[in-house]
Protein backbone atom coordinates (compact mmCIF):
# COMPACT_ATOMS: atom_id res chain seq x y z
CA MET A 1 6.90 1.10 -41.69
CA LYS A 2 6.43 -2.37 -40.24
CA VAL A 3 3.73 -2.62 -37.56
CA ASN A 4 4.43 -5.36 -35.02
CA ARG A 5 1.44 -4.92 -32.71
CA VAL A 6 -1.51 -2.60 -32.09
CA ILE A 7 -2.76 -2.21 -28.51
CA PRO A 8 -5.95 -0.30 -27.66
CA ASP A 9 -5.46 2.56 -25.18
CA ILE A 10 -8.51 3.05 -22.97
CA THR A 11 -8.85 6.21 -20.89
CA VAL A 12 -9.99 5.49 -17.33
CA ASP A 13 -10.40 7.59 -14.18
CA ASP A 14 -8.57 5.14 -11.93
CA ILE A 15 -6.26 2.32 -12.99
CA ALA A 16 -6.66 0.39 -9.75
CA ALA A 17 -10.43 0.50 -10.07
CA ALA A 18 -10.23 -0.62 -13.72
CA ARG A 19 -8.04 -3.61 -12.82
CA GLU A 20 -10.98 -5.67 -11.53
CA PHE A 21 -12.79 -5.48 -14.86
CA TYR A 22 -9.83 -5.90 -17.23
CA ALA A 23 -7.83 -8.41 -15.18
CA GLY A 24 -10.78 -10.10 -13.48
CA PHE A 25 -13.76 -10.23 -15.82
CA LEU A 26 -11.88 -10.10 -19.16
CA GLY A 27 -9.12 -12.41 -17.92
CA LEU A 28 -6.30 -10.07 -18.89
CA SER A 29 -4.67 -11.00 -15.61
CA SER A 30 -0.99 -10.41 -16.34
CA GLU A 31 -0.11 -6.82 -15.51
CA GLU A 32 2.86 -6.29 -17.83
CA PHE A 33 3.64 -2.89 -16.36
CA ASN A 34 2.07 -0.12 -14.34
CA LEU A 35 3.60 3.36 -14.36
CA GLY A 36 0.84 4.87 -12.23
CA TRP A 37 -0.73 6.69 -15.18
CA VAL A 38 -0.68 3.76 -17.65
CA ALA A 39 -0.85 -0.01 -17.23
CA ARG A 40 -1.05 -2.94 -19.63
CA PHE A 41 -3.20 -5.98 -18.88
CA THR A 42 -2.60 -9.12 -20.95
CA SER A 43 -4.11 -12.58 -21.20
CA PRO A 44 -1.55 -15.17 -20.10
CA ASP A 45 -3.24 -17.65 -22.46
CA THR A 46 -3.59 -15.69 -25.70
CA GLY A 47 -1.40 -12.59 -25.40
CA ALA A 48 -4.40 -10.31 -26.07
CA SER A 49 -3.93 -7.02 -24.25
CA VAL A 50 -5.22 -3.54 -23.53
CA GLN A 51 -3.60 -0.51 -21.99
CA VAL A 52 -5.49 1.73 -19.62
CA LEU A 53 -4.37 5.25 -18.89
CA THR A 54 -5.55 8.20 -16.88
CA ALA A 55 -3.61 10.98 -18.62
CA ASP A 56 -0.53 10.57 -20.78
CA ALA A 57 2.59 11.62 -18.88
CA THR A 58 4.08 13.76 -21.65
CA GLY A 59 1.52 13.92 -24.46
CA GLN A 60 -1.13 16.63 -24.50
CA THR A 61 -3.87 14.10 -25.31
CA ASN A 62 -4.53 10.41 -24.78
CA PRO A 63 -4.09 8.17 -27.81
CA VAL A 64 -6.74 5.64 -28.87
CA ALA A 65 -4.11 2.99 -29.60
CA SER A 66 -0.41 2.31 -29.37
CA VAL A 67 1.17 1.07 -32.59
CA LEU A 68 4.43 -0.77 -31.96
CA VAL A 69 6.75 -0.46 -34.96
CA ASP A 70 10.15 -1.84 -35.87
CA ASP A 71 11.73 1.54 -36.68
CA VAL A 72 10.14 4.58 -35.04
CA ASP A 73 12.59 7.01 -36.65
CA ALA A 74 11.65 5.80 -40.14
CA ALA A 75 7.95 5.96 -39.21
CA TYR A 76 8.40 9.54 -38.03
CA ALA A 77 10.16 10.51 -41.27
CA GLU A 78 7.38 8.84 -43.28
CA ALA A 79 4.65 10.67 -41.33
CA LYS A 80 6.38 14.02 -41.91
CA GLU A 81 6.89 13.25 -45.60
CA GLN A 82 3.20 12.42 -46.01
CA GLY A 83 2.12 15.58 -44.18
CA ILE A 84 0.44 13.68 -41.35
CA GLU A 85 -0.19 15.86 -38.31
CA ILE A 86 2.35 15.20 -35.55
CA VAL A 87 0.58 15.73 -32.21
CA HIS A 88 3.54 14.83 -29.94
CA PRO A 89 7.09 15.07 -31.28
CA LEU A 90 9.48 12.15 -31.58
CA THR A 91 10.73 11.73 -28.03
CA HIS A 92 12.87 9.29 -26.07
CA GLU A 93 10.76 8.97 -22.92
CA GLU A 94 12.28 8.50 -19.47
CA TRP A 95 10.54 5.10 -19.13
CA GLY A 96 12.58 3.78 -22.05
CA VAL A 97 10.44 4.00 -25.19
CA ARG A 98 10.90 6.19 -28.25
CA ARG A 99 7.60 7.48 -29.61
CA PHE A 100 5.52 10.17 -31.27
CA PHE A 101 1.79 10.79 -31.72
CA VAL A 102 -0.03 11.32 -35.03
CA ARG A 103 -3.58 12.39 -35.77
CA ALA A 104 -5.54 10.30 -38.30
CA PRO A 105 -7.89 12.08 -40.73
CA ASP A 106 -10.85 11.14 -38.47
CA GLY A 107 -9.23 12.93 -35.53
CA SER A 108 -8.06 9.81 -33.67
CA VAL A 109 -4.62 10.09 -32.09
CA PHE A 110 -2.19 7.17 -32.31
CA ASN A 111 0.95 6.56 -30.25
CA ILE A 112 3.63 5.30 -32.65
CA VAL A 113 6.21 3.60 -30.46
CA ALA A 114 9.30 1.39 -30.40
CA HIS A 115 10.79 -0.31 -27.38
CA PRO A 116 14.57 -0.52 -27.02
CA GLU A 117 16.05 -3.86 -27.98
């Protein structure tokens, strides 16, 4: 599996209220997207980013990070082969990504995701 990017996922009560801190104070002022339940704020200067989410739209739990990979199907097969707990099945989501969630041995949940090309 080739990891292209890891983005922290921070659970918040209200995305609009969180915007002032993440976009204002931290300078992550480019809002790459906002689906109402998840938004990504990115620095226009460095590309550093965080995602904030209230409650995942289809997953039963919020992940701690999103791991963008080159081949999500291969990553899913590898996770199954290694016996890693799948928390959310491999799914093509209506907002265009293909993803699944895994649980690390420490209990942290990760969103393993690929965007269409």
